[in-house]
Protein backbone atom coordinates (compact mmCIF):
# COMPACT_ATOMS: atom_id res chain seq x y z
CA MET A 1 85.37 68.66 1.68
CA ARG A 2 83.44 69.42 4.71
CA SER A 3 80.58 67.20 3.73
CA SER A 4 82.87 64.24 3.17
CA ALA A 5 84.47 64.69 6.62
CA ARG A 6 81.11 64.91 8.27
CA HIS A 7 79.93 61.85 6.49
CA LYS A 8 82.79 59.85 7.87
CA ARG A 9 82.19 61.03 11.40
CA LEU A 10 78.52 60.20 11.36
CA LYS A 11 79.02 56.70 10.11
CA LEU A 12 77.70 54.26 12.67
CA LYS A 13 79.59 51.25 13.97
CA SER A 14 77.69 48.04 13.55
CA GLU A 15 79.56 46.09 16.24
CA ILE A 16 78.12 44.59 19.33
CA ASN A 17 79.89 45.02 22.66
CA VAL A 18 79.94 41.49 24.13
CA VAL A 19 81.85 42.26 27.26
CA PRO A 20 78.76 42.85 29.43
CA TYR A 21 77.29 39.59 28.16
CA ILE A 22 80.44 37.72 29.11
CA ASP A 23 80.41 39.22 32.60
CA VAL A 24 76.78 38.16 33.10
CA MET A 25 77.54 34.68 31.91
CA LEU A 26 80.45 34.28 34.24
CA VAL A 27 78.34 35.50 37.20
CA LEU A 28 75.64 32.99 36.32
CA LEU A 29 78.22 30.24 35.99
CA ILE A 30 79.55 31.01 39.46
CA ILE A 31 76.05 31.03 40.97
CA PHE A 32 75.24 27.65 39.47
CA MET A 33 78.56 26.15 40.55
CA VAL A 34 77.91 27.27 44.11
CA THR A 35 74.29 26.24 44.38
CA ALA A 36 74.41 22.95 42.47
CA PRO A 37 76.13 20.94 45.27
CA MET A 38 73.66 22.36 47.82
CA LEU A 39 70.68 21.02 45.90
CA ASN A 40 71.79 17.39 46.45
CA ALA A 41 72.84 17.79 50.06
CA ASN A 42 69.53 16.94 51.70
CA VAL A 43 68.08 14.34 49.38
CA ASP A 44 66.03 11.64 51.11
CA VAL A 45 67.02 8.23 49.85
CA ASN A 46 64.66 5.29 50.13
CA LEU A 47 66.95 2.27 49.65
CA PRO A 48 65.53 -0.77 47.92
CA GLN A 49 65.12 -4.00 49.81
CA ALA A 50 66.35 -7.27 48.49
CA ASN A 51 66.48 -10.85 49.48
CA ALA A 52 70.24 -11.12 49.16
CA LYS A 53 71.76 -14.54 49.39
CA SER A 54 74.07 -15.09 52.35
CA LEU A 55 77.80 -15.50 51.60
CA GLN A 56 79.02 -19.06 51.58
CA ASP A 57 82.66 -18.97 52.60
CA LYS A 58 84.86 -22.00 53.15
CA LYS A 59 86.48 -20.38 56.20
CA GLU A 60 84.81 -18.87 59.24
CA PRO A 61 84.68 -15.12 58.80
CA VAL A 62 86.09 -12.67 61.25
CA ILE A 63 83.26 -10.65 62.76
CA VAL A 64 83.65 -7.11 64.15
CA SER A 65 80.51 -6.13 66.10
CA VAL A 66 79.67 -2.61 67.10
CA ASP A 67 77.02 -2.10 69.75
CA SER A 68 74.71 0.90 70.15
CA GLN A 69 77.21 2.71 72.39
CA GLY A 70 80.03 2.30 69.87
CA GLN A 71 81.90 -0.50 71.81
CA MET A 72 83.61 -2.95 69.43
CA TYR A 73 83.72 -6.73 69.86
CA LEU A 74 85.84 -9.25 67.92
CA THR A 75 84.97 -12.78 66.96
CA LEU A 76 87.85 -14.73 65.35
CA GLY A 77 86.53 -17.88 63.69
CA THR A 78 84.83 -20.10 66.31
CA GLU A 79 86.19 -18.20 69.33
CA LYS A 80 84.00 -16.33 71.83
CA LYS A 81 83.10 -12.69 71.18
CA GLU A 82 85.47 -10.45 73.15
CA PRO A 83 85.38 -6.69 73.82
CA ILE A 84 88.27 -4.92 72.14
CA ASP A 85 89.64 -1.36 71.79
CA ALA A 86 90.59 0.31 68.43
CA ASN A 87 94.35 -0.21 68.59
CA THR A 88 94.14 -3.86 69.64
CA LEU A 89 91.60 -4.49 66.96
CA LYS A 90 93.86 -3.10 64.26
CA VAL A 91 96.85 -5.15 65.52
CA LYS A 92 94.92 -8.43 65.89
CA ILE A 93 93.13 -8.16 62.57
CA GLY A 94 96.30 -7.12 60.75
CA ALA A 95 98.11 -10.21 62.07
CA PHE A 96 95.17 -12.52 61.31
CA VAL A 97 94.83 -11.22 57.76
CA GLN A 98 98.58 -11.63 57.09
CA GLN A 99 98.27 -15.33 58.00
CA ASN A 100 94.97 -15.78 56.14
CA PRO A 101 94.77 -13.15 53.23
CA ASP A 102 91.61 -14.72 51.75
CA VAL A 103 89.58 -14.40 54.97
CA SER A 104 86.57 -12.19 54.84
CA VAL A 105 85.76 -9.77 57.56
CA LEU A 106 82.19 -8.84 58.43
CA VAL A 107 81.06 -5.74 60.42
CA ALA A 108 77.85 -6.13 62.38
CA GLY A 109 76.48 -2.79 63.57
CA ASP A 110 73.54 -2.32 65.93
CA ARG A 111 70.59 -0.84 64.09
CA ASP A 112 70.02 1.63 66.95
CA GLY A 113 73.68 2.63 67.14
CA LYS A 114 75.42 5.56 65.54
CA TYR A 115 76.94 5.29 62.08
CA GLU A 116 80.18 6.67 63.50
CA GLY A 117 80.97 3.40 65.28
CA VAL A 118 80.60 1.36 62.13
CA TYR A 119 82.60 3.87 60.10
CA GLN A 120 85.36 3.80 62.66
CA ALA A 121 85.43 -0.02 62.46
CA LEU A 122 85.63 0.13 58.64
CA ALA A 123 88.45 2.68 58.85
CA LEU A 124 90.43 0.49 61.28
CA LEU A 125 89.97 -2.56 59.11
CA GLN A 126 91.27 -0.62 56.10
CA GLN A 127 94.31 0.47 58.11
CA ALA A 128 94.92 -3.15 59.06
CA GLY A 129 95.11 -4.14 55.41
CA VAL A 130 91.84 -6.05 55.09
CA ALA A 131 90.86 -6.58 51.45
CA LYS A 132 87.41 -8.16 51.84
CA VAL A 133 84.97 -6.35 54.16
CA GLY A 134 81.23 -6.92 54.26
CA LEU A 135 78.35 -5.59 56.30
CA MET A 136 76.14 -8.03 58.26
CA SER A 137 72.36 -7.69 58.50
CA ALA A 138 69.41 -9.66 59.68
CA PRO A 139 67.28 -11.45 57.04
CA GLU A 140 64.50 -9.33 55.63
CA THR A 141 61.19 -9.54 57.53
CA GLY A 142 57.75 -8.64 56.17
CA ASN A 143 58.00 -5.15 57.54
CA PRO A 144 59.60 -2.67 55.07
CA ASN A 145 61.14 -0.65 57.91
CA GLY A 146 63.03 -3.68 59.17
CA ARG A 147 61.50 -3.32 62.67
CA PRO A 148 59.35 -5.97 64.28
């Protein structure tokens, strides 16, 4: 009887403990989830150039210009360009778009200006309820950098 009891005790288990492997896989998953967004954060993008056709609209577009200091100017149709502040821009554009819902609004940003000014103008136009917004640019020159 002793030999049979010993034989049962010495029998080896043929199971693999997978808990440590699961722990390692979860740690690796967390590391990849944290580092993956950082890999794309500083990617240099070289945008393609194209000879885009200008928009042919039946009505005169509303033009919001942003100079290099971030000052905004408004041109309604054939009127003269006038300096305008953010709240007045939102009110005037909102009223103009309610009367003419199909009018397109163009944003002209100075190439030496900060992106913040153009972004602020786009946000104000969105708050005013403008459906069609476009960005103005100069026609392409022979220089790929766009500078003369």
